Amino acid sequence: MLIYLVSSCHTKPQKETDVNKLEKQKVIELEKNHWQTYTSIVINAPLEEVWNTLTDWDNISDWSSTLKNIEG
């Protein structure tokens, strides 16, 4: 399963990076002091387990403090 996460921030994130072979990040400056990051990662887990974790809104802060949107 390939997951794409999008977040926006008002502090400059790290430059584009290839963290490892499974995760990639892209940073776009939308305007002065406002950036958008795109992150993708390959997760070695059953689709249902991953989706249940991503859509468990009551516990989303356990793994993301900045998440704005999930698509997929």
C-alpha atoms as a PDB file:
ATOM      1  CA  MET A   1       0.000   0.000   0.000  1.00  0.00           C
ATOM      2  CA  LEU A   2       1.313   3.451  -0.887  1.00  0.00           C
ATOM      3  CA  ILE A   3       0.141   6.305   1.352  1.00  0.00           C
ATOM      4  CA  TYR A   4       0.342  10.011   0.466  1.00  0.00           C
ATOM      5  CA  LEU A   5       0.054  12.529   3.295  1.00  0.00           C
ATOM      6  CA  VAL A   6      -0.254  16.279   2.774  1.00  0.00           C
ATOM      7  CA  SER A   7       0.300  18.914   5.426  1.00  0.00           C
ATOM      8  CA  SER A   8       0.715  22.676   5.468  1.00  0.00           C
ATOM      9  CA  CYS A   9       2.771  24.693   7.883  1.00  0.00           C
ATOM     10  CA  HIS A  10       3.920  28.204   8.662  1.00  0.00           C
ATOM     11  CA  THR A  11       7.425  27.213   9.711  1.00  0.00           C
ATOM     12  CA  LYS A  12       9.917  26.097   7.124  1.00  0.00           C
ATOM     13  CA  PRO A  13      10.163  22.298   6.978  1.00  0.00           C
ATOM     14  CA  GLN A  14      13.365  20.475   6.119  1.00  0.00           C
ATOM     15  CA  LYS A  15      14.396  20.547   2.480  1.00  0.00           C
ATOM     16  CA  GLU A  16      13.284  17.739   0.172  1.00  0.00           C
ATOM     17  CA  THR A  17      14.734  14.520   1.431  1.00  0.00           C
ATOM     18  CA  ASP A  18      14.788  10.852   0.622  1.00  0.00           C
ATOM     19  CA  VAL A  19      14.620   9.477   4.164  1.00  0.00           C
ATOM     20  CA  ASN A  20      15.003   5.884   3.019  1.00  0.00           C
ATOM     21  CA  LYS A  21      13.905   3.657   0.164  1.00  0.00           C
ATOM     22  CA  LEU A  22      10.345   3.490   1.534  1.00  0.00           C
ATOM     23  CA  GLU A  23       9.675   7.141   2.343  1.00  0.00           C
ATOM     24  CA  LYS A  24       9.923  10.316   0.269  1.00  0.00           C
ATOM     25  CA  GLN A  25       9.094  13.933   1.062  1.00  0.00           C
ATOM     26  CA  LYS A  26       8.554  16.947  -1.203  1.00  0.00           C
ATOM     27  CA  VAL A  27       8.343  20.537   0.075  1.00  0.00           C
ATOM     28  CA  ILE A  28       6.638  23.347  -1.879  1.00  0.00           C
ATOM     29  CA  GLU A  29       6.701  26.992  -0.805  1.00  0.00           C
ATOM     30  CA  LEU A  30       3.177  28.335  -1.387  1.00  0.00           C
ATOM     31  CA  GLU A  31       3.982  31.889  -0.336  1.00  0.00           C
ATOM     32  CA  LYS A  32       6.349  33.617   2.050  1.00  0.00           C
ATOM     33  CA  ASN A  33       6.442  31.645   5.329  1.00  0.00           C
ATOM     34  CA  HIS A  34       3.875  29.082   4.152  1.00  0.00           C
ATOM     35  CA  TRP A  35       4.934  25.651   2.888  1.00  0.00           C
ATOM     36  CA  GLN A  36       3.167  22.472   1.888  1.00  0.00           C
ATOM     37  CA  THR A  37       4.770  19.062   2.289  1.00  0.00           C
ATOM     38  CA  TYR A  38       3.922  15.853   0.466  1.00  0.00           C
ATOM     39  CA  THR A  39       5.080  12.627   2.033  1.00  0.00           C
ATOM     40  CA  SER A  40       4.713   9.127   0.691  1.00  0.00           C
ATOM     41  CA  ILE A  41       5.634   5.873   2.392  1.00  0.00           C
ATOM     42  CA  VAL A  42       5.328   2.172   1.679  1.00  0.00           C
ATOM     43  CA  ILE A  43       3.897   0.353   4.703  1.00  0.00           C
ATOM     44  CA  ASN A  44       4.363  -3.386   5.079  1.00  0.00           C
ATOM     45  CA  ALA A  45       1.004  -4.144   6.705  1.00  0.00           C
ATOM     46  CA  PRO A  46      -2.443  -5.317   5.623  1.00  0.00           C
ATOM     47  CA  LEU A  47      -4.497  -2.650   3.835  1.00  0.00           C
ATOM     48  CA  GLU A  48      -7.338  -2.795   6.366  1.00  0.00           C
ATOM     49  CA  GLU A  49      -4.978  -2.337   9.336  1.00  0.00           C
ATOM     50  CA  VAL A  50      -3.281   0.679   7.736  1.00  0.00           C
ATOM     51  CA  TRP A  51      -6.578   2.297   6.732  1.00  0.00           C
ATOM     52  CA  ASN A  52      -8.062   1.729  10.211  1.00  0.00           C
ATOM     53  CA  THR A  53      -5.055   3.476  11.744  1.00  0.00           C
ATOM     54  CA  LEU A  54      -5.232   6.400   9.296  1.00  0.00           C
ATOM     55  CA  THR A  55      -8.960   6.911   9.868  1.00  0.00           C
ATOM     56  CA  ASP A  56      -8.945   6.504  13.649  1.00  0.00           C
ATOM     57  CA  TRP A  57      -9.533  10.225  14.235  1.00  0.00           C
ATOM     58  CA  ASP A  58      -9.698   9.881  18.042  1.00  0.00           C
ATOM     59  CA  ASN A  59      -6.097   8.601  18.133  1.00  0.00           C
ATOM     60  CA  ILE A  60      -4.559  10.350  15.131  1.00  0.00           C
ATOM     61  CA  SER A  61      -2.400  12.540  17.384  1.00  0.00           C
ATOM     62  CA  ASP A  62      -0.553   9.372  18.458  1.00  0.00           C
ATOM     63  CA  TRP A  63       1.322   9.436  15.142  1.00  0.00           C
ATOM     64  CA  SER A  64       0.741  12.911  13.637  1.00  0.00           C
ATOM     65  CA  SER A  65       0.581  16.337  15.219  1.00  0.00           C
ATOM     66  CA  THR A  66       0.192  18.252  11.925  1.00  0.00           C
ATOM     67  CA  LEU A  67      -1.965  16.130   9.619  1.00  0.00           C
ATOM     68  CA  LYS A  68      -4.544  18.134   7.669  1.00  0.00           C
ATOM     69  CA  ASN A  69      -5.848  15.707   5.020  1.00  0.00           C
ATOM     70  CA  ILE A  70      -5.687  12.063   3.930  1.00  0.00           C
ATOM     71  CA  GLU A  71      -6.434  10.874   0.400  1.00  0.00           C
ATOM     72  CA  GLY A  72      -6.275   7.375  -0.996  1.00  0.00           C
END
